[in-house]
Each structure stands twice: as C-alpha cells, then as structure tokens.
Amino acid sequence: MTIKAQEKAKLYWACRRGMLELDLLLLPFLENGYDNLSDEERSTFIQLLAIEDPTLYQWFIAHLEPEDLAMRALVEKIIAYARRSAI
C-alpha cells in the first residue's frame, strides 16, 4: 500500500461519523474530491475531521459558517460538491 493509499484509508475511517448525514457528505467528497484539493486544503480537511459532529452538523446542515476562512471555504466546497453530485 502506498503512502497516499494509507493516508486515504486513515481519512476514510475519520470520515465515518456518528451521524449518517455527515457520512453522506464526507465520504463521497473524500473519494471524489479530496485528490483535487491543494496541500493547504488537504491540511484543512484533516483539521475538519477532528471537529465534533454537532459542530460539523451546524456547518453543513444548519448552514452556520466557521469563523476560520480556510475552513469556511472548504465547507462551502464540500457543500457545493454534494449539491452537484445530487443532481
């Protein structure tokens, strides 16, 4: 297994959350959008996975915005990806 494959395998398990709604957003994004992120955005994604589910739920479902601009941009990117994929 390559380092990149190992990294994605670890991220896959970190994307598996306690809420199905978050799984349905994060797992497809990891599988189809993560490779297109910049190194900075990948770092932000890893930080995002360390955040508690209730906060992520507020950002993704209740549409509250993170204060951090890089995190806000990534959340918007994940939401946009989910919307495009649902069509």
C-alpha atoms as a PDB file:
ATOM      1  CA  MET A   1       0.000   0.000   0.000  1.00  0.00           C
ATOM      2  CA  THR A   2       1.447   3.387  -0.973  1.00  0.00           C
ATOM      3  CA  ILE A   3       1.687   6.290   1.422  1.00  0.00           C
ATOM      4  CA  LYS A   4      -1.132   8.055  -0.430  1.00  0.00           C
ATOM      5  CA  ALA A   5      -3.338   4.959  -0.171  1.00  0.00           C
ATOM      6  CA  GLN A   6      -2.518   4.630   3.539  1.00  0.00           C
ATOM      7  CA  GLU A   7      -3.354   8.304   4.087  1.00  0.00           C
ATOM      8  CA  LYS A   8      -6.710   7.960   2.320  1.00  0.00           C
ATOM      9  CA  ALA A   9      -7.502   4.784   4.274  1.00  0.00           C
ATOM     10  CA  LYS A  10      -6.961   6.657   7.548  1.00  0.00           C
ATOM     11  CA  LEU A  11      -9.047   9.565   6.295  1.00  0.00           C
ATOM     12  CA  TYR A  12     -11.793   7.176   5.226  1.00  0.00           C
ATOM     13  CA  TRP A  13     -12.204   5.966   8.806  1.00  0.00           C
ATOM     14  CA  ALA A  14     -12.069   9.540  10.112  1.00  0.00           C
ATOM     15  CA  CYS A  15     -14.888  10.435   7.688  1.00  0.00           C
ATOM     16  CA  ARG A  16     -17.088   7.732   9.189  1.00  0.00           C
ATOM     17  CA  ARG A  17     -19.010   9.752  11.723  1.00  0.00           C
ATOM     18  CA  GLY A  18     -21.735   9.217  14.274  1.00  0.00           C
ATOM     19  CA  MET A  19     -24.262  10.912  12.004  1.00  0.00           C
ATOM     20  CA  LEU A  20     -25.349   9.438   8.686  1.00  0.00           C
ATOM     21  CA  GLU A  21     -25.830  12.947   7.263  1.00  0.00           C
ATOM     22  CA  LEU A  22     -22.129  13.674   7.771  1.00  0.00           C
ATOM     23  CA  ASP A  23     -21.093  10.301   6.323  1.00  0.00           C
ATOM     24  CA  LEU A  24     -23.113  11.094   3.196  1.00  0.00           C
ATOM     25  CA  LEU A  25     -21.237  14.379   2.768  1.00  0.00           C
ATOM     26  CA  LEU A  26     -17.713  13.492   3.793  1.00  0.00           C
ATOM     27  CA  LEU A  27     -17.183  10.013   2.332  1.00  0.00           C
ATOM     28  CA  PRO A  28     -18.131  10.856  -1.282  1.00  0.00           C
ATOM     29  CA  PHE A  29     -16.067  14.043  -1.071  1.00  0.00           C
ATOM     30  CA  LEU A  30     -13.058  12.065   0.142  1.00  0.00           C
ATOM     31  CA  GLU A  31     -13.477   9.535  -2.657  1.00  0.00           C
ATOM     32  CA  ASN A  32     -14.042  12.023  -5.487  1.00  0.00           C
ATOM     33  CA  GLY A  33     -12.940  15.494  -4.391  1.00  0.00           C
ATOM     34  CA  TYR A  34     -10.018  15.114  -1.999  1.00  0.00           C
ATOM     35  CA  ASP A  35      -7.429  14.418  -4.708  1.00  0.00           C
ATOM     36  CA  ASN A  36      -8.262  17.771  -6.339  1.00  0.00           C
ATOM     37  CA  LEU A  37      -7.537  19.781  -3.172  1.00  0.00           C
ATOM     38  CA  SER A  38      -4.400  21.828  -2.706  1.00  0.00           C
ATOM     39  CA  ASP A  39      -1.973  20.805   0.031  1.00  0.00           C
ATOM     40  CA  GLU A  40      -3.358  23.614   2.208  1.00  0.00           C
ATOM     41  CA  GLU A  41      -6.937  22.454   1.641  1.00  0.00           C
ATOM     42  CA  ARG A  42      -5.955  18.865   2.458  1.00  0.00           C
ATOM     43  CA  SER A  43      -4.486  20.078   5.724  1.00  0.00           C
ATOM     44  CA  THR A  44      -7.717  21.954   6.456  1.00  0.00           C
ATOM     45  CA  PHE A  45      -9.724  18.810   5.619  1.00  0.00           C
ATOM     46  CA  ILE A  46      -7.705  16.836   8.163  1.00  0.00           C
ATOM     47  CA  GLN A  47      -8.380  19.582  10.735  1.00  0.00           C
ATOM     48  CA  LEU A  48     -12.074  19.469   9.851  1.00  0.00           C
ATOM     49  CA  LEU A  49     -12.185  15.743  10.628  1.00  0.00           C
ATOM     50  CA  ALA A  50     -11.004  16.470  14.178  1.00  0.00           C
ATOM     51  CA  ILE A  51     -14.057  18.653  14.844  1.00  0.00           C
ATOM     52  CA  GLU A  52     -17.007  17.286  16.831  1.00  0.00           C
ATOM     53  CA  ASP A  53     -20.067  16.065  14.924  1.00  0.00           C
ATOM     54  CA  PRO A  54     -22.512  18.654  16.370  1.00  0.00           C
ATOM     55  CA  THR A  55     -20.329  21.491  15.082  1.00  0.00           C
ATOM     56  CA  LEU A  56     -19.943  19.857  11.660  1.00  0.00           C
ATOM     57  CA  TYR A  57     -23.695  19.332  11.556  1.00  0.00           C
ATOM     58  CA  GLN A  58     -24.241  23.041  12.177  1.00  0.00           C
ATOM     59  CA  TRP A  59     -21.823  23.961   9.400  1.00  0.00           C
ATOM     60  CA  PHE A  60     -23.146  21.517   6.809  1.00  0.00           C
ATOM     61  CA  ILE A  61     -26.824  21.124   7.626  1.00  0.00           C
ATOM     62  CA  ALA A  62     -27.825  24.238   9.595  1.00  0.00           C
ATOM     63  CA  HIS A  63     -25.669  26.424   7.338  1.00  0.00           C
ATOM     64  CA  LEU A  64     -23.789  28.208  10.102  1.00  0.00           C
ATOM     65  CA  GLU A  65     -20.334  29.303   8.986  1.00  0.00           C
ATOM     66  CA  PRO A  66     -16.977  28.509  10.579  1.00  0.00           C
ATOM     67  CA  GLU A  67     -15.075  31.578  11.730  1.00  0.00           C
ATOM     68  CA  ASP A  68     -11.836  30.375  10.138  1.00  0.00           C
ATOM     69  CA  LEU A  69     -11.777  31.495   6.498  1.00  0.00           C
ATOM     70  CA  ALA A  70      -9.919  28.432   5.180  1.00  0.00           C
ATOM     71  CA  MET A  71     -12.343  26.138   6.998  1.00  0.00           C
ATOM     72  CA  ARG A  72     -15.312  28.141   5.694  1.00  0.00           C
ATOM     73  CA  ALA A  73     -14.032  27.832   2.113  1.00  0.00           C
ATOM     74  CA  LEU A  74     -13.593  24.080   2.484  1.00  0.00           C
ATOM     75  CA  VAL A  75     -17.061  23.621   3.998  1.00  0.00           C
ATOM     76  CA  GLU A  76     -18.509  25.582   1.073  1.00  0.00           C
ATOM     77  CA  LYS A  77     -16.553  23.401  -1.363  1.00  0.00           C
ATOM     78  CA  ILE A  78     -17.885  20.197   0.235  1.00  0.00           C
ATOM     79  CA  ILE A  79     -21.464  21.530   0.187  1.00  0.00           C
ATOM     80  CA  ALA A  80     -21.096  22.564  -3.474  1.00  0.00           C
ATOM     81  CA  TYR A  81     -19.716  19.119  -4.327  1.00  0.00           C
ATOM     82  CA  ALA A  82     -22.669  17.435  -2.596  1.00  0.00           C
ATOM     83  CA  ARG A  83     -25.140  19.622  -4.476  1.00  0.00           C
ATOM     84  CA  ARG A  84     -23.509  18.863  -7.848  1.00  0.00           C
ATOM     85  CA  SER A  85     -23.456  15.149  -7.079  1.00  0.00           C
ATOM     86  CA  ALA A  86     -27.141  15.100  -6.103  1.00  0.00           C
ATOM     87  CA  ILE A  87     -28.288  16.443  -9.460  1.00  0.00           C
END
